[in-house]
Amino acid sequence: MKTSLYLTASALALGLTVGVATAKVPQDQANRLGADLTPWGAEKGGGDGVPAWDGGLTAPPSGVSFDAKKQQHPNPFKGDAVQLTITPGNAGQHGDKLTEGHKALLKTYGTYKMNVYQSRRTCSAPQFVYAASKNNALVGDLTADGDGVTGAIMGTAFPVFNNAMELVWNSKLRFRNHKVTRQFAAAPVQNNGSFNLIIVQDEAILRWSDPAKKKAEDLDNISLYYIANTVSPARLAGNVVLVHESIDAVKDPRKAWSYNPGTRRVRVAPDISYDNPGTNTDGMTTSDAFDGFNGAMDRYHWRFLGRSVKYIPYNNYDAINAKLDDIIKPQHLNQDYMRYEPHRVWSAEAYLKPGVRHLYARRVMHFDEDSFTLSVSEIYDGRGQLYRVQELQTANYYHVPLCGAAGEIIYDITAGRYLAQSMRNEQPPVNYFADELSDSRYTPEAIRSLGVR
């Protein structure tokens, strides 16, 4: 049986590793959820600059005027002052709370800085997600090789996790509501600061969060349906990607199709996986790095590195509401809009298995304890050199409520370029209640009608 994840964390801090576990959590461990642990499995108490969790934001805060259909979420903490600014000159004084990725950005770019604010544990979710997470603790399993999930559904798959693969599954299957539509901007920024803006409309039916499903086996091995439709610039407009995301990618790999308006043909797209270049990224990231990390896990060994307090991007409401021209600058984002806070993170390492290939030979991932969002990731090449640093802004979308990414940045340390993608800035607000979406829309035949220039 699984032991307490905090005992496990202590063991791993001593350099021990944990293999793939397939036993369920005993009742006394599940009873900790909502007691000394949050409903999704984080430590409820505070310490080292991190406050105790008090329930998070579950509605627009008092005094905040907000229309979810017309505007991005206003910053509920406008009155907060910067407590600390980390620069290349003083970074060495704060090394214990900096990820290796942020240390590298501070070393590489003389103008890079991190404004640190008080920590606010805003994350929350609907009560039905909390109930599902507690049940998952009792019934959720990994498949024998760790590449699939059984028993669990909705919410956190493994709220009392016991190894790195379960931690990563918590991130991949984190709650993002059932049916969602959005429009986002992407900007591949060259080292001189120039970029061509790309606008994408994407949508998903997150079948993992379907309230009608009772367990993972009911999903026919598909965790989500996803469509991305590029709407500008003109040279890219009308290109559509369709994905059926597998739960167990070894049993049945991800299925993907693409529609090109020039040929008016839908083609199977096996290149939308692993280390193939991400769509609309100018080759600055891989397909499996979208949304932090996605897709099959079978090319890596996974090791749990433990828990620590780090300064991570959090409650990034000012960044979401900034004008694109104001926040996208040469070398890196305009850090005046970024907010960093001390939070506990769970860290995991993926290192390439012998005899297989991937552009990324090693990845170190830091997951926010309260949302399981991948907050910062260090990516290493085959020579063992730091290659790219990935950073995801996060916020609580308090009208749902849920916590999640609000923009994704990939810094290429070697080339001096970066990619800003999934940016909500100056775009319509995300619709987290897109009940009009139906499964019939997510077929190769249906996406042809979407690809109109």
Protein backbone atom coordinates (compact mmCIF):
# COMPACT_ATOMS: atom_id res chain seq x y z
CA MET A 1 0.00 0.00 0.00
CA LYS A 2 1.00 3.62 -0.43
CA THR A 3 2.52 5.40 2.54
CA SER A 4 2.09 9.07 3.38
CA LEU A 5 3.31 11.22 0.54
CA TYR A 6 5.19 13.34 3.07
CA LEU A 7 7.13 10.31 4.27
CA THR A 8 7.78 9.55 0.63
CA ALA A 9 9.00 13.10 0.06
CA SER A 10 11.41 12.75 2.96
CA ALA A 11 12.78 9.52 1.54
CA LEU A 12 13.29 11.05 -1.86
CA ALA A 13 15.04 14.04 -0.35
CA LEU A 14 17.68 11.53 0.74
CA GLY A 15 18.14 10.42 -2.86
CA LEU A 16 15.85 7.41 -2.88
CA THR A 17 13.60 6.64 -5.80
CA VAL A 18 10.16 5.11 -5.91
CA GLY A 19 9.02 2.69 -8.59
CA VAL A 20 5.62 2.61 -10.21
CA ALA A 21 2.99 1.87 -7.57
CA THR A 22 -0.30 0.14 -8.31
CA ALA A 23 -1.83 -0.12 -4.83
CA LYS A 24 -4.65 2.14 -3.72
CA VAL A 25 -4.47 4.55 -0.81
CA PRO A 26 -5.88 3.13 2.46
CA GLN A 27 -8.86 4.83 4.08
CA ASP A 28 -6.80 6.55 6.78
CA GLN A 29 -4.73 8.29 4.11
CA ALA A 30 -7.80 9.37 2.14
CA ASN A 31 -9.27 10.77 5.37
CA ARG A 32 -6.47 13.33 5.45
CA LEU A 33 -7.99 15.07 2.43
CA GLY A 34 -9.89 18.05 3.77
CA ALA A 35 -8.23 17.60 7.19
CA ASP A 36 -4.48 18.30 7.32
CA LEU A 37 -4.38 18.14 3.51
CA THR A 38 -6.39 20.24 1.08
CA PRO A 39 -9.14 18.40 -0.85
CA TRP A 40 -6.67 17.79 -3.71
CA GLY A 41 -3.74 16.68 -1.53
CA ALA A 42 -1.57 19.73 -0.78
CA GLU A 43 -0.44 20.49 2.75
CA LYS A 44 -3.07 22.76 4.26
CA GLY A 45 -0.73 24.42 6.76
CA GLY A 46 1.71 27.22 6.04
CA GLY A 47 5.37 27.96 6.68
CA ASP A 48 8.49 29.48 5.13
CA GLY A 49 6.59 32.40 3.63
CA VAL A 50 3.68 30.26 2.43
CA PRO A 51 0.35 30.87 4.22
CA ALA A 52 -2.12 28.24 5.32
CA TRP A 53 -4.83 27.44 2.78
CA ASP A 54 -8.15 28.98 3.85
CA GLY A 55 -10.38 27.75 1.03
CA GLY A 56 -9.00 29.93 -1.78
CA LEU A 57 -11.03 32.18 -4.06
CA THR A 58 -14.37 30.64 -4.94
CA ALA A 59 -16.11 33.73 -6.38
CA PRO A 60 -15.17 37.23 -7.50
CA PRO A 61 -13.76 39.01 -4.43
CA SER A 62 -15.79 41.68 -2.71
CA GLY A 63 -15.47 44.99 -4.51
CA VAL A 64 -14.26 43.45 -7.80
CA SER A 65 -16.60 44.23 -10.70
CA PHE A 66 -16.34 41.47 -13.28
CA ASP A 67 -18.28 40.14 -16.28
CA ALA A 68 -16.86 36.73 -17.25
CA LYS A 69 -18.37 36.97 -20.74
CA LYS A 70 -16.76 40.29 -21.61
CA GLN A 71 -13.47 40.74 -19.78
CA GLN A 72 -10.41 39.04 -18.39
CA HIS A 73 -10.28 38.55 -14.64
CA PRO A 74 -9.38 41.76 -12.79
CA ASN A 75 -6.53 41.62 -10.30
CA PRO A 76 -8.11 41.20 -6.85
CA PHE A 77 -4.83 42.18 -5.19
CA LYS A 78 -4.11 45.54 -6.78
CA GLY A 79 -3.11 46.93 -3.40
CA ASP A 80 -0.28 44.43 -2.90
CA ALA A 81 3.19 45.96 -2.91
CA VAL A 82 6.38 44.37 -4.23
CA GLN A 83 8.18 42.85 -1.24
CA LEU A 84 11.40 41.96 -3.02
CA THR A 85 12.94 42.45 -6.47
CA ILE A 86 15.47 39.84 -7.57
CA THR A 87 17.96 41.00 -10.18
CA PRO A 88 21.15 39.55 -11.65
CA GLY A 89 23.02 41.55 -9.02
CA ASN A 90 21.36 39.99 -5.96
CA ALA A 91 20.23 36.61 -7.29
CA GLY A 92 22.92 34.82 -5.30
CA GLN A 93 21.27 35.92 -2.06
CA HIS A 94 18.06 34.12 -2.96
CA GLY A 95 19.34 30.93 -4.55
CA ASP A 96 17.49 28.58 -2.20
CA LYS A 97 14.13 29.84 -3.49
CA LEU A 98 15.05 30.16 -7.17
CA THR A 99 14.61 27.33 -9.65
CA GLU A 100 17.61 26.54 -11.83
CA GLY A 101 15.61 27.94 -14.74
CA HIS A 102 15.15 31.32 -13.11
CA LYS A 103 18.80 31.38 -12.07
CA ALA A 104 19.73 30.85 -15.73
CA LEU A 105 17.42 33.63 -16.94
CA LEU A 106 18.87 36.04 -14.39
CA LYS A 107 22.39 35.09 -15.46
CA THR A 108 21.67 35.29 -19.19
CA TYR A 109 19.71 38.54 -19.39
CA GLY A 110 20.99 41.61 -17.59
CA THR A 111 17.55 43.21 -17.66
CA TYR A 112 15.66 40.22 -16.28
CA LYS A 113 14.12 40.62 -12.83
CA MET A 114 11.53 38.97 -10.59
CA ASN A 115 9.15 41.06 -8.50
CA VAL A 116 8.16 38.97 -5.48
CA TYR A 117 4.86 39.61 -3.70
CA GLN A 118 3.23 38.09 -0.65
CA SER A 119 2.05 34.53 -1.15
CA ARG A 120 -1.68 34.08 -1.67
CA ARG A 121 -3.04 30.55 -1.91
CA THR A 122 -6.02 31.37 -4.08
CA CYS A 123 -6.52 27.95 -5.69
CA SER A 124 -9.90 26.31 -5.33
CA ALA A 125 -12.32 24.10 -7.26
CA PRO A 126 -16.00 23.15 -7.16
CA GLN A 127 -17.11 20.85 -4.35
CA PHE A 128 -17.87 18.00 -6.75
CA VAL A 129 -14.20 18.03 -7.78
CA TYR A 130 -13.15 17.75 -4.15
CA ALA A 131 -15.48 14.77 -3.66
CA ALA A 132 -14.17 13.06 -6.79
CA SER A 133 -10.56 13.61 -5.72
CA LYS A 134 -11.18 11.96 -2.36
CA ASN A 135 -12.78 8.99 -4.08
CA ASN A 136 -9.86 8.83 -6.50
CA ALA A 137 -7.50 8.34 -3.58
CA LEU A 138 -9.33 5.10 -2.77
CA VAL A 139 -9.85 3.75 -6.29
CA GLY A 140 -7.20 5.27 -8.59
CA ASP A 141 -4.37 3.14 -9.97
CA LEU A 142 -1.63 3.39 -12.53
CA THR A 143 -1.36 0.68 -15.14
CA ALA A 144 1.57 -1.68 -14.65
CA ASP A 145 3.96 0.44 -16.74
CA GLY A 146 2.67 3.75 -15.38
CA ASP A 147 1.49 4.96 -18.79
CA GLY A 148 -2.21 4.83 -17.98
CA VAL A 149 -4.75 5.48 -15.23
CA THR A 150 -7.60 3.28 -14.05
CA GLY A 151 -10.40 3.71 -11.56
CA ALA A 152 -10.10 7.45 -11.02
CA ILE A 153 -12.10 10.20 -12.74
CA MET A 154 -12.55 13.98 -12.42
CA GLY A 155 -10.37 16.14 -10.20
CA THR A 156 -6.95 15.03 -8.96
CA ALA A 157 -6.16 11.50 -10.12
CA PHE A 158 -3.75 10.76 -7.25
CA PRO A 159 -4.28 13.29 -4.45
CA VAL A 160 -1.96 11.28 -2.17
CA PHE A 161 0.58 10.43 -4.85
CA ASN A 162 3.57 8.21 -4.28
CA ASN A 163 5.87 8.57 -7.28
CA ALA A 164 6.81 10.91 -10.11
CA MET A 165 4.51 9.38 -12.69
CA GLU A 166 1.46 9.87 -10.47
CA LEU A 167 2.53 13.48 -9.92
CA VAL A 168 2.76 14.09 -13.67
CA TRP A 169 -0.62 12.45 -14.21
CA ASN A 170 -2.08 14.87 -11.66
CA SER A 171 -0.86 17.69 -13.88
CA LYS A 172 -2.00 16.19 -17.17
CA LEU A 173 -5.48 15.41 -15.85
CA ARG A 174 -5.97 18.44 -13.59
CA PHE A 175 -9.44 19.95 -13.50
CA ARG A 176 -10.12 22.47 -16.28
CA ASN A 177 -13.90 22.01 -16.47
CA HIS A 178 -15.73 19.89 -19.02
CA LYS A 179 -16.18 21.96 -22.21
CA VAL A 180 -14.00 24.97 -22.95
CA THR A 181 -13.43 27.39 -25.83
CA ARG A 182 -10.85 30.16 -26.05
CA GLN A 183 -8.82 32.36 -28.37
CA PHE A 184 -5.14 32.91 -27.69
CA ALA A 185 -2.17 34.76 -29.12
CA ALA A 186 1.26 33.31 -29.85
CA ALA A 187 4.42 35.29 -30.57
CA PRO A 188 7.71 33.66 -31.61
CA VAL A 189 10.06 36.50 -30.57
CA GLN A 190 13.41 36.76 -32.37
CA ASN A 191 16.58 37.92 -30.62
CA ASN A 192 16.12 41.44 -31.99
CA GLY A 193 12.61 41.62 -30.50
CA SER A 194 10.68 41.24 -33.76
CA PHE A 195 7.73 38.87 -33.97
CA ASN A 196 4.74 37.98 -36.11
CA LEU A 197 1.62 37.56 -34.01
CA ILE A 198 -0.40 34.37 -34.45
CA ILE A 199 -4.02 34.07 -33.32
CA VAL A 200 -5.54 30.66 -32.62
CA GLN A 201 -9.03 29.60 -31.65
CA ASP A 202 -8.97 26.35 -29.74
CA GLU A 203 -11.51 24.28 -27.88
CA ALA A 204 -11.72 21.06 -25.95
CA ILE A 205 -14.07 18.55 -24.47
CA LEU A 206 -12.18 17.37 -21.40
CA ARG A 207 -13.74 13.95 -21.07
CA TRP A 208 -11.87 13.32 -17.81
CA SER A 209 -14.13 16.03 -16.32
CA ASP A 210 -17.37 14.71 -17.77
CA PRO A 211 -19.79 14.45 -14.83
CA ALA A 212 -21.56 11.53 -16.53
CA LYS A 213 -18.45 9.32 -16.38
CA LYS A 214 -17.80 7.16 -13.33
CA LYS A 215 -14.27 5.89 -13.88
CA ALA A 216 -11.38 6.19 -16.33
CA GLU A 217 -12.38 2.97 -18.08
CA ASP A 218 -15.60 4.70 -19.24
CA LEU A 219 -13.57 7.07 -21.43
CA ASP A 220 -12.51 4.48 -24.05
CA ASN A 221 -8.90 5.58 -23.50
CA ILE A 222 -9.54 9.18 -24.63
CA SER A 223 -9.04 11.88 -22.00
CA LEU A 224 -9.94 14.82 -24.24
CA TYR A 225 -10.93 15.97 -27.70
CA TYR A 226 -9.08 19.07 -28.89
CA ILE A 227 -9.25 21.40 -31.92
CA ALA A 228 -6.90 24.28 -32.75
CA ASN A 229 -7.92 26.54 -35.63
CA THR A 230 -5.41 29.18 -36.74
CA VAL A 231 -7.23 32.38 -37.73
CA SER A 232 -4.32 34.73 -38.48
CA PRO A 233 -1.99 35.71 -40.09
CA ALA A 234 -3.38 35.06 -43.57
CA ARG A 235 -0.59 32.70 -44.59
CA LEU A 236 -1.52 30.35 -41.73
CA ALA A 237 -5.25 30.96 -41.49
CA GLY A 238 -7.50 27.95 -41.95
CA ASN A 239 -5.01 25.36 -40.75
CA VAL A 240 -6.82 23.12 -38.30
CA VAL A 241 -5.50 20.46 -35.95
CA LEU A 242 -7.67 17.79 -34.32
CA VAL A 243 -6.41 15.61 -31.46
CA HIS A 244 -7.89 12.65 -29.62
CA GLU A 245 -5.67 12.43 -26.56
CA SER A 246 -5.03 8.96 -25.20
CA ILE A 247 -4.92 8.08 -21.53
CA ASP A 248 -2.68 5.06 -22.11
CA ALA A 249 -0.53 6.14 -25.07
CA VAL A 250 1.41 2.87 -25.11
CA LYS A 251 -1.78 0.87 -25.52
CA ASP A 252 -3.19 3.25 -28.13
CA PRO A 253 -1.15 6.32 -29.19
CA ARG A 254 -2.55 9.82 -29.56
CA LYS A 255 -4.56 10.26 -32.74
CA ALA A 256 -4.22 13.53 -34.64
CA TRP A 257 -5.34 14.97 -37.96
CA SER A 258 -4.62 18.23 -39.76
CA TYR A 259 -6.56 20.17 -42.37
CA ASN A 260 -4.76 22.39 -44.86
CA PRO A 261 -6.98 24.88 -46.75
CA GLY A 262 -4.52 24.98 -49.64
CA THR A 263 -5.02 21.30 -50.44
CA ARG A 264 -8.49 21.06 -48.88
CA ARG A 265 -7.49 17.73 -47.48
CA VAL A 266 -7.54 16.23 -44.01
CA ARG A 267 -4.48 14.12 -43.28
CA VAL A 268 -3.46 11.90 -40.42
CA ALA A 269 -0.81 13.85 -38.48
CA PRO A 270 1.50 11.46 -36.61
CA ASP A 271 4.00 14.31 -36.14
CA ILE A 272 1.90 16.01 -33.43
CA SER A 273 3.58 14.13 -30.61
CA TYR A 274 6.82 13.78 -28.67
CA ASP A 275 9.58 16.11 -29.89
CA ASN A 276 8.08 17.11 -33.21
CA PRO A 277 7.91 20.92 -33.47
CA GLY A 278 4.84 22.40 -31.83
CA THR A 279 2.19 23.93 -34.10
CA ASN A 280 2.65 27.69 -34.67
CA THR A 281 5.84 27.82 -32.59
CA ASP A 282 8.57 28.53 -35.18
CA GLY A 283 10.30 25.41 -33.89
CA MET A 284 10.84 26.92 -30.44
CA THR A 285 9.15 24.11 -28.54
CA THR A 286 7.97 20.54 -28.96
CA SER A 287 4.49 19.10 -29.32
CA ASP A 288 4.67 17.42 -25.92
CA ALA A 289 5.62 20.67 -24.14
CA PHE A 290 2.33 22.45 -24.88
CA ASP A 291 0.54 23.29 -21.61
CA GLY A 292 3.72 22.40 -19.73
CA PHE A 293 3.84 18.70 -20.54
CA ASN A 294 1.36 16.51 -22.36
CA GLY A 295 1.16 13.18 -24.07
CA ALA A 296 3.06 9.93 -23.76
CA MET A 297 5.55 9.40 -20.93
CA ASP A 298 7.15 6.21 -22.22
CA ARG A 299 10.41 7.66 -23.60
CA TYR A 300 11.59 8.76 -20.16
CA HIS A 301 12.46 7.36 -16.81
CA TRP A 302 10.79 9.43 -14.11
CA ARG A 303 12.23 10.35 -10.73
CA PHE A 304 10.59 12.27 -7.91
CA LEU A 305 12.84 15.00 -6.48
CA GLY A 306 10.78 16.12 -3.49
CA ARG A 307 9.18 19.33 -2.32
CA SER A 308 10.55 22.83 -1.71
CA VAL A 309 9.49 26.47 -1.55
CA LYS A 310 10.27 28.43 -4.73
CA TYR A 311 9.38 31.79 -6.20
CA ILE A 312 7.01 30.95 -9.03
CA PRO A 313 4.66 32.98 -11.26
CA TYR A 314 1.34 33.21 -9.44
CA ASN A 315 -1.84 35.28 -9.48
CA ASN A 316 -0.64 36.83 -12.75
CA TYR A 317 -3.71 38.98 -13.34
CA ASP A 318 -1.72 42.07 -14.39
CA ALA A 319 0.12 40.00 -17.00
CA ILE A 320 -3.16 38.67 -18.40
CA ASN A 321 -4.61 42.17 -18.74
CA ALA A 322 -1.53 43.83 -20.29
CA LYS A 323 -1.44 44.93 -23.91
CA LEU A 324 0.58 42.54 -26.06
CA ASP A 325 2.91 45.31 -27.24
CA ASP A 326 3.53 46.28 -23.64
CA ILE A 327 4.35 42.83 -22.32
CA ILE A 328 6.20 41.26 -25.28
CA LYS A 329 9.67 42.79 -25.39
CA PRO A 330 13.12 41.81 -26.72
CA GLN A 331 14.89 38.95 -24.91
CA HIS A 332 12.11 38.36 -22.35
CA LEU A 333 8.68 39.49 -21.24
CA ASN A 334 8.28 42.88 -19.63
CA GLN A 335 8.82 41.66 -16.09
CA ASP A 336 7.05 44.68 -14.60
CA TYR A 337 3.80 42.84 -15.33
CA MET A 338 4.88 39.55 -13.79
CA ARG A 339 4.10 38.56 -10.22
CA TYR A 340 6.10 35.94 -8.34
CA GLU A 341 5.20 34.46 -4.96
CA PRO A 342 6.74 31.85 -2.64
CA HIS A 343 4.83 28.60 -2.98
CA ARG A 344 5.57 24.96 -2.35
CA VAL A 345 6.35 22.98 -5.47
CA TRP A 346 6.71 19.27 -6.17
CA SER A 347 9.65 18.57 -8.48
CA ALA A 348 10.20 15.64 -10.83
CA GLU A 349 12.89 14.69 -13.31
CA ALA A 350 12.44 12.96 -16.65
CA TYR A 351 15.55 11.50 -18.22
CA LEU A 352 15.72 9.72 -21.54
CA LYS A 353 15.66 5.94 -21.64
CA PRO A 354 18.59 4.20 -23.35
CA GLY A 355 18.02 3.46 -27.02
CA VAL A 356 15.21 6.00 -27.59
CA ARG A 357 15.38 9.53 -28.92
CA HIS A 358 13.94 12.87 -27.95
CA LEU A 359 15.21 16.41 -28.52
CA TYR A 360 15.00 16.91 -24.76
CA ALA A 361 17.33 14.47 -23.02
CA ARG A 362 16.36 15.62 -19.54
CA ARG A 363 13.56 17.73 -18.07
CA VAL A 364 13.22 18.97 -14.52
CA MET A 365 9.63 20.01 -13.78
CA HIS A 366 8.32 22.05 -10.86
CA PHE A 367 4.58 21.67 -10.18
CA ASP A 368 2.58 24.07 -8.04
CA GLU A 369 1.39 22.16 -4.98
CA ASP A 370 -2.05 23.76 -5.11
CA SER A 371 -2.97 23.34 -8.77
CA PHE A 372 -0.56 20.72 -10.16
CA THR A 373 0.12 23.19 -12.97
CA LEU A 374 3.67 22.84 -14.28
CA SER A 375 5.00 26.23 -13.22
CA VAL A 376 8.66 26.13 -14.31
CA SER A 377 10.64 23.55 -16.26
CA GLU A 378 14.33 23.24 -17.08
CA ILE A 379 15.03 21.47 -20.35
CA TYR A 380 18.43 19.96 -21.19
CA ASP A 381 19.89 18.83 -24.51
CA GLY A 382 21.81 15.66 -25.31
CA ARG A 383 25.07 17.22 -24.09
CA GLY A 384 23.59 17.85 -20.68
CA GLN A 385 23.46 21.62 -21.26
CA LEU A 386 20.51 23.75 -20.22
CA TYR A 387 18.69 24.38 -23.48
CA ARG A 388 15.32 25.95 -22.71
CA VAL A 389 13.41 27.30 -19.73
CA GLN A 390 9.65 27.00 -19.66
CA GLU A 391 7.46 29.20 -17.47
CA LEU A 392 3.68 29.14 -17.07
CA GLN A 393 1.81 32.09 -15.61
CA THR A 394 -1.05 31.00 -13.37
CA ALA A 395 -4.22 32.51 -11.92
CA ASN A 396 -7.46 31.49 -10.24
CA TYR A 397 -10.41 31.90 -12.59
CA TYR A 398 -12.60 32.58 -9.63
CA HIS A 399 -15.95 32.53 -11.40
CA VAL A 400 -15.62 28.76 -12.09
CA PRO A 401 -13.55 28.36 -9.84
CA LEU A 402 -10.33 26.71 -11.02
CA CYS A 403 -6.60 27.45 -11.12
CA GLY A 404 -4.63 27.13 -14.31
CA ALA A 405 -2.19 28.54 -16.80
CA ALA A 406 -2.59 32.09 -18.12
CA GLY A 407 0.23 32.20 -20.64
CA GLU A 408 3.22 30.02 -21.46
CA ILE A 409 6.74 31.23 -22.16
CA ILE A 410 9.61 29.12 -23.55
CA TYR A 411 13.01 30.80 -23.39
CA ASP A 412 15.70 29.38 -25.68
CA ILE A 413 18.86 30.07 -23.70
CA THR A 414 21.20 29.07 -26.53
CA ALA A 415 19.56 31.13 -29.30
CA GLY A 416 18.41 34.16 -27.33
CA ARG A 417 14.84 33.79 -28.61
CA TYR A 418 11.60 33.03 -26.82
CA LEU A 419 8.07 31.92 -27.56
CA ALA A 420 5.08 33.50 -25.84
CA GLN A 421 2.06 31.27 -26.41
CA SER A 422 -1.39 30.64 -24.94
CA MET A 423 -1.51 34.39 -24.22
CA ARG A 424 -4.98 35.67 -23.26
CA ASN A 425 -3.96 39.31 -23.67
CA GLU A 426 -6.39 41.35 -25.79
CA GLN A 427 -8.38 38.20 -26.61
CA PRO A 428 -11.99 37.34 -25.75
CA PRO A 429 -12.35 35.74 -22.31
CA VAL A 430 -12.21 31.97 -22.11
CA ASN A 431 -15.59 30.25 -22.03
CA TYR A 432 -15.35 27.52 -19.41
CA PHE A 433 -19.01 26.58 -19.86
CA ALA A 434 -19.16 25.85 -23.62
CA ASP A 435 -22.08 23.45 -23.36
CA GLU A 436 -22.73 23.80 -27.10
CA LEU A 437 -19.76 21.56 -27.91
CA SER A 438 -20.58 17.98 -28.87
CA ASP A 439 -18.50 14.90 -29.62
CA SER A 440 -19.65 14.91 -33.27
CA ARG A 441 -17.59 18.05 -33.86
CA TYR A 442 -14.30 16.24 -33.18
CA THR A 443 -14.02 14.05 -36.26
CA PRO A 444 -11.68 14.29 -39.27
CA GLU A 445 -14.69 14.93 -41.49
CA ALA A 446 -16.00 17.79 -39.35
CA ILE A 447 -12.80 19.84 -39.13
CA ARG A 448 -12.81 20.47 -42.90
CA SER A 449 -15.68 22.92 -42.39
CA LEU A 450 -13.68 24.89 -39.83
CA GLY A 451 -10.68 25.64 -42.05
CA VAL A 452 -11.97 28.74 -43.81
CA ARG A 453 -9.63 31.63 -44.56
